[in-house]
Amino acid sequence: MVVAVRLIYIGNASDSVYETQSRALVDEFRRSGIDVQHLEGLKFRDFFKGGSLFCNFKERRFPILPVFPGLIFMQFLFLAVSVVRVFGFSKSVFHVRSDVLGSIFVRFAWILGIKEEQIVIDVRGATYWEFIDYRFRPGHCLSELRKLSLNFLRQSLRGRNCKFTAVSPALSDYVADAYSVKCEVVPCISPFKWTPPPAPQKKLQARLELGLPTHSLLVVAVNGGGSPWQLPIKDIDSIASESLLVLNLSSREADSPFVITRYLNGEDYEKALLASDAALMIRADSVVNRVAVPVKYLEYAAKSLPIIANGSVDSVTDYIESTTRGIIVDSLEEITPDLVQSLVSTCHDTAHIESCEEWLQSHAPFRVAEQYQGVYARVFVGS
């Protein structure tokens, strides 16, 4: 289905998954014939390194400012400069990725003659609680000001007439409750196409090419930059043993000799998933994690890795219950070589493979693009 709309897509390119989510979505829209203007936010220092407000007619840039009192309206002005360069913007649909940018844009959009009904706010996580639970420093002046600003923006979204989308049912419920609005679920895009479990010789070859041990079970834990809501290094150490190695794909080193730390990208990263027997998705029980959709678990699913989780992320729990492609544990002590071996033994089970492949289809770029097009169509019919 191709919806005849002019779309202005606004996002923050400093997001670690922007390439696999936003750019992939914009590319899919363009392949389907939608007229898309892409307004890409860059961190302030990165924006001025580039030295240009736009890359070409369809790709424009604006700086992202810190969220503090006094800078909120300035952030809108930077956005407005990019928007007014788009011919016919008053008759466009505005897809704003993130509730923070969305709340800034919707609060001041009337200045440009843009109606709330033209705006789709694409919520990706519990931004306010991410700051409060993991970054807030009570009594610290800048931290208190940032809390004040985020709370102000959060209140700015209550009862708005724009469309809201969220990447999981849990996040949709959170948005509906926090902002007193209706919110549709549109899933994340899977960064990889689905591939069946590798044959043993392919897994062995991947380990040899990466210089990984071939004699032990190997579980992978992707921690990226070691964000505070991810699996702590000390917990990774406690899981690892001589017969159960942990491949720690992170920039942070672990102490255990049975933890192999690498920081890989591109083909080597995919090869590391191919070399692994299972994947870990262990996180703290918090609002942030409960409503999140970690893109890493979609990568695990696409590579047919069974996932070991602790039930702290609703989307991961739903996936495991729907596909039986993994297990939920109550404690780290349950993660043993026997447990991982039991997951490996069912790896090539036909029912498991088919359920995983079918489940992942809803996360294909064209399927996600179709769902957003349905949202855009309802902007004009008022439903």
Protein backbone atom coordinates (compact mmCIF):
# COMPACT_ATOMS: atom_id res chain seq x y z
CA MET A 1 0.00 0.00 0.00
CA VAL A 2 1.40 3.40 -1.01
CA VAL A 3 -0.09 6.41 0.76
CA ALA A 4 0.03 9.65 -1.27
CA VAL A 5 1.46 11.94 1.42
CA ARG A 6 4.42 14.22 1.73
CA LEU A 7 6.34 13.01 4.75
CA ILE A 8 8.80 15.02 6.83
CA TYR A 9 10.76 12.60 9.01
CA ILE A 10 12.56 14.16 11.99
CA GLY A 11 15.03 12.21 14.13
CA ASN A 12 18.12 12.34 16.30
CA ALA A 13 20.98 10.71 14.38
CA SER A 14 23.12 10.43 17.53
CA ASP A 15 20.95 7.46 18.52
CA SER A 16 23.05 4.28 18.33
CA VAL A 17 20.42 2.43 16.25
CA TYR A 18 19.52 5.33 13.93
CA GLU A 19 21.05 3.66 10.88
CA THR A 20 19.16 0.38 11.24
CA GLN A 21 15.88 1.98 12.29
CA SER A 22 15.36 5.51 10.94
CA ARG A 23 17.52 5.46 7.83
CA ALA A 24 16.28 1.99 6.93
CA LEU A 25 12.68 3.20 7.31
CA VAL A 26 13.26 6.34 5.22
CA ASP A 27 14.92 4.24 2.51
CA GLU A 28 11.97 1.84 2.51
CA PHE A 29 9.51 4.74 2.16
CA ARG A 30 11.43 6.09 -0.81
CA ARG A 31 11.51 2.66 -2.46
CA SER A 32 7.72 2.53 -2.16
CA GLY A 33 7.33 5.94 -3.82
CA ILE A 34 6.65 8.18 -0.81
CA ASP A 35 8.01 11.74 -0.98
CA VAL A 36 10.21 11.95 2.14
CA GLN A 37 12.15 14.93 3.47
CA HIS A 38 14.59 13.65 6.11
CA LEU A 39 15.56 16.15 8.84
CA GLU A 40 18.48 14.67 10.72
CA GLY A 41 19.46 15.96 14.16
CA LEU A 42 23.16 15.87 15.05
CA LYS A 43 24.90 16.60 18.32
CA PHE A 44 25.85 20.26 18.46
CA ARG A 45 29.59 19.69 17.95
CA ASP A 46 29.01 17.17 15.14
CA PHE A 47 26.62 19.53 13.34
CA PHE A 48 29.19 22.32 13.12
CA LYS A 49 31.92 19.91 12.07
CA GLY A 50 29.76 19.17 9.01
CA GLY A 51 29.32 22.88 8.39
CA SER A 52 26.08 22.54 6.41
CA LEU A 53 22.36 22.79 7.03
CA PHE A 54 21.68 20.17 4.37
CA CYS A 55 23.37 17.35 2.47
CA ASN A 56 20.99 17.58 -0.49
CA PHE A 57 17.42 18.59 -1.22
CA LYS A 58 15.95 15.54 0.54
CA GLU A 59 18.38 15.37 3.48
CA ARG A 60 18.70 18.29 5.90
CA ARG A 61 20.48 18.65 9.22
CA PHE A 62 19.84 20.55 12.42
CA PRO A 63 21.73 20.65 15.75
CA ILE A 64 20.47 18.80 18.84
CA LEU A 65 20.79 20.86 22.01
CA PRO A 66 20.94 19.61 25.60
CA VAL A 67 17.53 19.54 27.28
CA PHE A 68 17.68 22.49 29.69
CA PRO A 69 15.46 25.50 30.44
CA GLY A 70 16.20 28.28 27.97
CA LEU A 71 17.33 25.86 25.27
CA ILE A 72 13.96 24.25 24.54
CA PHE A 73 12.63 27.09 22.38
CA MET A 74 16.03 27.45 20.72
CA GLN A 75 15.84 23.76 19.79
CA PHE A 76 12.49 24.42 18.12
CA LEU A 77 14.00 27.35 16.19
CA PHE A 78 16.75 25.10 14.81
CA LEU A 79 14.07 22.61 13.80
CA ALA A 80 11.94 25.37 12.28
CA VAL A 81 14.82 26.59 10.08
CA SER A 82 14.99 23.12 8.52
CA VAL A 83 11.23 22.74 8.22
CA VAL A 84 10.55 26.05 6.45
CA ARG A 85 13.01 25.08 3.72
CA VAL A 86 10.64 22.27 2.74
CA PHE A 87 8.18 23.35 0.05
CA GLY A 88 4.58 22.62 1.02
CA PHE A 89 5.37 21.69 4.64
CA SER A 90 1.97 22.96 5.82
CA LYS A 91 0.31 20.05 3.97
CA SER A 92 2.76 17.39 5.16
CA VAL A 93 2.76 14.67 7.79
CA PHE A 94 5.50 15.13 10.40
CA HIS A 95 6.95 11.91 11.83
CA VAL A 96 9.01 12.90 14.88
CA ARG A 97 11.16 10.14 16.33
CA SER A 98 11.33 10.40 20.16
CA ASP A 99 9.00 11.93 22.69
CA VAL A 100 11.54 14.63 23.62
CA LEU A 101 11.86 16.07 20.11
CA GLY A 102 8.16 15.42 19.61
CA SER A 103 7.14 17.39 22.68
CA ILE A 104 9.33 20.35 21.65
CA PHE A 105 7.96 20.31 18.11
CA VAL A 106 4.28 19.93 19.00
CA ARG A 107 4.45 22.68 21.63
CA PHE A 108 5.60 25.34 19.15
CA ALA A 109 4.41 23.97 15.79
CA TRP A 110 1.50 26.44 15.72
CA ILE A 111 4.05 29.20 15.05
CA LEU A 112 4.61 27.61 11.63
CA GLY A 113 0.91 27.05 11.06
CA ILE A 114 1.26 23.29 11.60
CA LYS A 115 -1.68 21.53 13.26
CA GLU A 116 -1.22 18.93 15.99
CA GLU A 117 -3.18 16.47 13.85
CA GLN A 118 -0.36 16.53 11.25
CA ILE A 119 2.21 15.24 13.76
CA VAL A 120 3.06 11.60 14.51
CA ILE A 121 5.20 11.16 17.63
CA ASP A 122 7.18 7.93 17.51
CA VAL A 123 8.03 7.00 21.12
CA ARG A 124 11.04 4.69 21.45
CA GLY A 125 11.39 4.34 25.21
CA ALA A 126 10.68 5.76 28.67
CA THR A 127 13.03 8.73 28.27
CA TYR A 128 12.09 10.48 31.49
CA TRP A 129 12.58 7.38 33.63
CA GLU A 130 15.81 6.50 31.85
CA PHE A 131 17.20 9.78 33.17
CA ILE A 132 15.65 9.50 36.64
CA ASP A 133 16.67 5.87 37.25
CA TYR A 134 20.15 5.90 35.71
CA ARG A 135 21.52 9.43 35.30
CA PHE A 136 19.87 11.74 37.81
CA ARG A 137 22.08 13.15 40.58
CA PRO A 138 19.95 14.60 43.40
CA GLY A 139 21.08 18.05 44.48
CA HIS A 140 23.32 18.54 41.45
CA CYS A 141 22.34 21.82 39.77
CA LEU A 142 22.52 20.74 36.11
CA SER A 143 20.92 17.39 36.89
CA GLU A 144 18.02 19.07 38.69
CA LEU A 145 17.54 21.48 35.77
CA ARG A 146 17.49 18.61 33.28
CA LYS A 147 14.91 16.77 35.41
CA LEU A 148 12.79 19.94 35.47
CA SER A 149 13.03 20.30 31.68
CA LEU A 150 12.19 16.65 30.94
CA ASN A 151 9.20 16.79 33.27
CA PHE A 152 8.02 20.00 31.59
CA LEU A 153 8.25 18.35 28.16
CA ARG A 154 6.53 15.23 29.44
CA GLN A 155 3.60 17.31 30.70
CA SER A 156 3.52 19.16 27.36
CA LEU A 157 2.38 15.97 25.61
CA ARG A 158 -0.63 15.25 27.82
CA GLY A 159 -3.88 15.16 25.89
CA ARG A 160 -2.39 16.27 22.57
CA ASN A 161 -4.28 15.59 19.33
CA CYS A 162 -1.31 14.23 17.40
CA LYS A 163 -0.87 10.53 16.60
CA PHE A 164 1.30 8.47 18.95
CA THR A 165 3.10 5.24 18.13
CA ALA A 166 5.26 3.00 20.33
CA VAL A 167 7.52 0.04 19.57
CA SER A 168 5.96 -2.43 22.02
CA PRO A 169 2.60 -3.10 23.71
CA ALA A 170 4.17 -2.34 27.10
CA LEU A 171 5.49 1.01 25.85
CA SER A 172 2.12 1.77 24.22
CA ASP A 173 0.41 1.26 27.59
CA TYR A 174 3.03 3.47 29.25
CA VAL A 175 2.49 6.27 26.68
CA ALA A 176 -1.30 6.03 26.95
CA ASP A 177 -1.10 6.33 30.74
CA ALA A 178 1.63 9.00 30.89
CA TYR A 179 0.15 11.30 28.24
CA SER A 180 -3.59 10.45 28.37
CA VAL A 181 -3.64 9.63 24.64
CA LYS A 182 -4.29 6.72 22.32
CA CYS A 183 -1.13 4.99 21.12
CA GLU A 184 -0.64 2.44 18.33
CA VAL A 185 2.04 -0.26 18.32
CA VAL A 186 4.45 -0.23 15.37
CA PRO A 187 7.43 -2.58 15.92
CA CYS A 188 11.13 -1.95 15.41
CA ILE A 189 12.86 -3.01 12.23
CA SER A 190 15.04 -6.11 12.43
CA PRO A 191 18.57 -5.03 11.40
CA PHE A 192 19.24 -8.44 9.80
CA LYS A 193 17.28 -10.75 7.57
CA TRP A 194 16.33 -14.03 9.20
CA THR A 195 18.77 -16.90 8.74
CA PRO A 196 18.29 -20.50 9.92
CA PRO A 197 20.58 -21.98 12.60
CA PRO A 198 24.04 -22.60 11.12
CA ALA A 199 25.37 -26.08 10.52
CA PRO A 200 28.07 -27.11 13.05
CA GLN A 201 30.84 -26.73 10.49
CA LYS A 202 29.82 -23.14 9.73
CA LYS A 203 29.81 -22.28 13.42
CA LEU A 204 33.26 -23.85 13.79
CA GLN A 205 34.54 -21.90 10.80
CA ALA A 206 33.24 -18.63 12.27
CA ARG A 207 35.03 -19.31 15.55
CA LEU A 208 38.28 -20.10 13.79
CA GLU A 209 38.09 -16.94 11.68
CA LEU A 210 37.55 -14.82 14.80
CA GLY A 211 40.16 -16.65 16.83
CA LEU A 212 37.63 -17.97 19.35
CA PRO A 213 37.99 -21.23 21.31
CA THR A 214 36.29 -24.20 19.69
CA HIS A 215 36.09 -26.59 22.65
CA SER A 216 33.48 -24.88 24.88
CA LEU A 217 29.95 -23.62 24.76
CA LEU A 218 29.82 -19.92 23.95
CA VAL A 219 27.11 -17.42 24.92
CA VAL A 220 27.18 -13.88 23.62
CA ALA A 221 26.41 -10.71 25.59
CA VAL A 222 26.29 -7.43 23.69
CA ASN A 223 26.81 -4.46 25.97
CA GLY A 224 27.90 -1.83 23.45
CA GLY A 225 29.07 1.16 25.43
CA GLY A 226 28.13 -0.40 28.76
CA SER A 227 24.97 1.63 29.42
CA PRO A 228 23.82 1.39 33.06
CA TRP A 229 20.59 -0.47 32.16
CA GLN A 230 22.52 -3.25 30.41
CA LEU A 231 24.04 -6.42 31.90
CA PRO A 232 26.83 -5.38 34.34
CA ILE A 233 30.32 -6.73 33.73
CA LYS A 234 30.40 -8.32 37.22
CA ASP A 235 27.36 -10.42 36.28
CA ILE A 236 29.02 -11.51 33.05
CA ASP A 237 32.01 -12.64 35.12
CA SER A 238 29.75 -14.69 37.41
CA ILE A 239 28.20 -16.59 34.49
CA ALA A 240 31.45 -17.57 32.76
CA SER A 241 33.31 -20.81 33.41
CA GLU A 242 35.79 -23.08 31.66
CA SER A 243 32.98 -25.02 29.97
CA LEU A 244 30.74 -21.99 29.38
CA LEU A 245 32.58 -19.06 27.84
CA VAL A 246 31.00 -15.62 27.48
CA LEU A 247 31.72 -13.53 24.40
CA ASN A 248 31.48 -9.98 25.75
CA LEU A 249 30.92 -7.69 22.76
CA SER A 250 31.65 -4.49 24.58
CA SER A 251 34.22 -1.74 25.03
CA ARG A 252 34.49 -2.71 28.73
CA GLU A 253 36.88 -5.43 29.84
CA ALA A 254 35.85 -8.21 32.24
CA ASP A 255 38.02 -9.79 34.95
CA SER A 256 37.23 -13.46 34.39
CA PRO A 257 39.63 -15.42 32.17
CA PHE A 258 36.57 -17.16 30.75
CA VAL A 259 35.13 -13.93 29.35
CA ILE A 260 36.35 -13.00 25.87
CA THR A 261 36.00 -9.28 25.25
CA ARG A 262 35.78 -7.97 21.71
CA TYR A 263 34.34 -4.83 20.15
CA LEU A 264 33.22 -5.84 16.67
CA ASN A 265 31.30 -4.21 13.82
CA GLY A 266 29.94 -5.18 10.44
CA GLU A 267 30.69 -8.65 9.14
CA ASP A 268 32.77 -9.60 12.18
CA TYR A 269 29.84 -8.78 14.47
CA GLU A 270 27.49 -10.98 12.46
CA LYS A 271 30.14 -13.68 12.43
CA ALA A 272 30.35 -13.49 16.25
CA LEU A 273 26.60 -14.17 16.49
CA LEU A 274 27.03 -17.07 14.08
CA ALA A 275 29.81 -18.47 16.29
CA SER A 276 27.71 -18.36 19.47
CA ASP A 277 25.44 -21.03 20.94
CA ALA A 278 23.04 -18.70 22.78
CA ALA A 279 22.59 -15.03 23.69
CA LEU A 280 22.07 -13.26 27.01
CA MET A 281 19.39 -10.62 27.58
CA ILE A 282 19.65 -10.04 31.33
CA ARG A 283 18.64 -6.62 32.62
CA ALA A 284 17.50 -4.94 35.82
CA ASP A 285 13.79 -4.79 36.61
CA SER A 286 12.85 -1.17 35.83
CA VAL A 287 10.29 0.82 33.85
CA VAL A 288 12.97 1.60 31.26
CA ASN A 289 13.73 -2.06 30.57
CA ARG A 290 10.19 -3.32 30.94
CA VAL A 291 8.89 -1.16 28.06
CA ALA A 292 12.05 -1.32 25.92
CA VAL A 293 12.65 -3.14 22.67
CA PRO A 294 16.43 -3.75 22.62
CA VAL A 295 17.43 -3.98 18.97
CA LYS A 296 20.08 -6.51 20.00
CA TYR A 297 17.45 -9.13 20.74
CA LEU A 298 16.06 -8.69 17.22
CA GLU A 299 19.57 -9.34 15.92
CA TYR A 300 19.77 -12.50 18.04
CA ALA A 301 16.38 -13.65 16.76
CA ALA A 302 17.34 -12.95 13.15
CA LYS A 303 20.43 -15.13 13.57
CA SER A 304 18.36 -17.92 15.17
CA LEU A 305 20.12 -17.67 18.53
CA PRO A 306 18.16 -18.94 21.54
CA ILE A 307 17.87 -16.16 24.11
CA ILE A 308 18.41 -16.51 27.85
CA ALA A 309 16.48 -13.73 29.60
CA ASN A 310 15.33 -12.89 33.10
CA GLY A 311 11.87 -11.53 32.30
CA SER A 312 12.78 -7.87 32.84
CA VAL A 313 12.02 -6.87 29.23
CA ASP A 314 8.41 -7.55 28.25
CA SER A 315 9.12 -7.65 24.50
CA VAL A 316 11.81 -10.31 24.95
CA THR A 317 9.60 -12.35 27.26
CA ASP A 318 6.77 -12.19 24.69
CA TYR A 319 9.15 -13.36 21.96
CA ILE A 320 10.39 -16.35 23.97
CA GLU A 321 6.86 -17.36 24.97
CA SER A 322 5.62 -17.01 21.37
CA THR A 323 8.45 -18.90 19.68
CA THR A 324 9.87 -21.08 22.51
CA ARG A 325 13.23 -19.89 21.16
CA GLY A 326 14.91 -19.39 24.52
CA ILE A 327 14.25 -19.54 28.23
CA ILE A 328 13.39 -17.23 31.14
CA VAL A 329 15.53 -17.69 34.27
CA ASP A 330 14.98 -16.39 37.78
CA SER A 331 18.65 -16.05 38.70
CA LEU A 332 22.10 -16.05 37.11
CA GLU A 333 22.90 -19.32 38.93
CA GLU A 334 20.51 -21.09 36.54
CA ILE A 335 22.70 -20.22 33.55
CA THR A 336 24.81 -23.37 33.41
CA PRO A 337 26.48 -25.40 30.66
CA ASP A 338 23.63 -27.94 30.93
CA LEU A 339 21.03 -25.22 30.35
CA VAL A 340 22.83 -23.87 27.29
CA GLN A 341 23.37 -27.39 25.94
CA SER A 342 19.65 -28.08 26.26
CA LEU A 343 18.95 -24.98 24.13
CA VAL A 344 21.53 -26.06 21.56
CA SER A 345 19.99 -29.54 21.34
CA THR A 346 16.68 -28.07 20.13
CA CYS A 347 18.36 -25.54 17.82
CA HIS A 348 17.40 -27.33 14.59
CA ASP A 349 13.89 -28.28 15.69
CA THR A 350 11.61 -27.53 12.72
CA ALA A 351 8.78 -26.08 14.83
CA HIS A 352 11.17 -23.68 16.60
CA ILE A 353 12.69 -22.54 13.32
CA GLU A 354 9.34 -21.92 11.65
CA SER A 355 7.90 -20.02 14.63
CA CYS A 356 10.96 -17.78 14.79
CA GLU A 357 10.92 -17.04 11.06
CA GLU A 358 7.19 -16.28 11.09
CA TRP A 359 7.49 -14.02 14.14
CA LEU A 360 10.32 -11.99 12.59
CA GLN A 361 8.33 -11.23 9.43
CA SER A 362 6.43 -8.45 11.23
CA HIS A 363 9.79 -6.71 11.81
CA ALA A 364 10.79 -6.66 8.13
CA PRO A 365 11.38 -3.09 6.84
CA PHE A 366 8.54 -3.18 4.31
CA ARG A 367 6.06 -4.46 6.93
CA VAL A 368 7.01 -1.73 9.42
CA ALA A 369 6.82 0.90 6.65
CA GLU A 370 3.31 -0.34 5.74
CA GLN A 371 2.14 0.07 9.32
CA TYR A 372 3.43 3.63 9.51
CA GLN A 373 1.75 4.40 6.19
CA GLY A 374 -1.52 3.28 7.76
CA VAL A 375 -0.93 5.76 10.60
CA TYR A 376 -0.19 8.57 8.10
CA ALA A 377 -3.38 7.76 6.15
CA ARG A 378 -5.44 8.19 9.33
CA VAL A 379 -3.95 11.66 9.84
CA PHE A 380 -6.07 12.85 6.93
CA VAL A 381 -9.25 10.93 7.73
CA GLY A 382 -9.16 11.96 11.41
CA SER A 383 -9.44 8.48 12.98
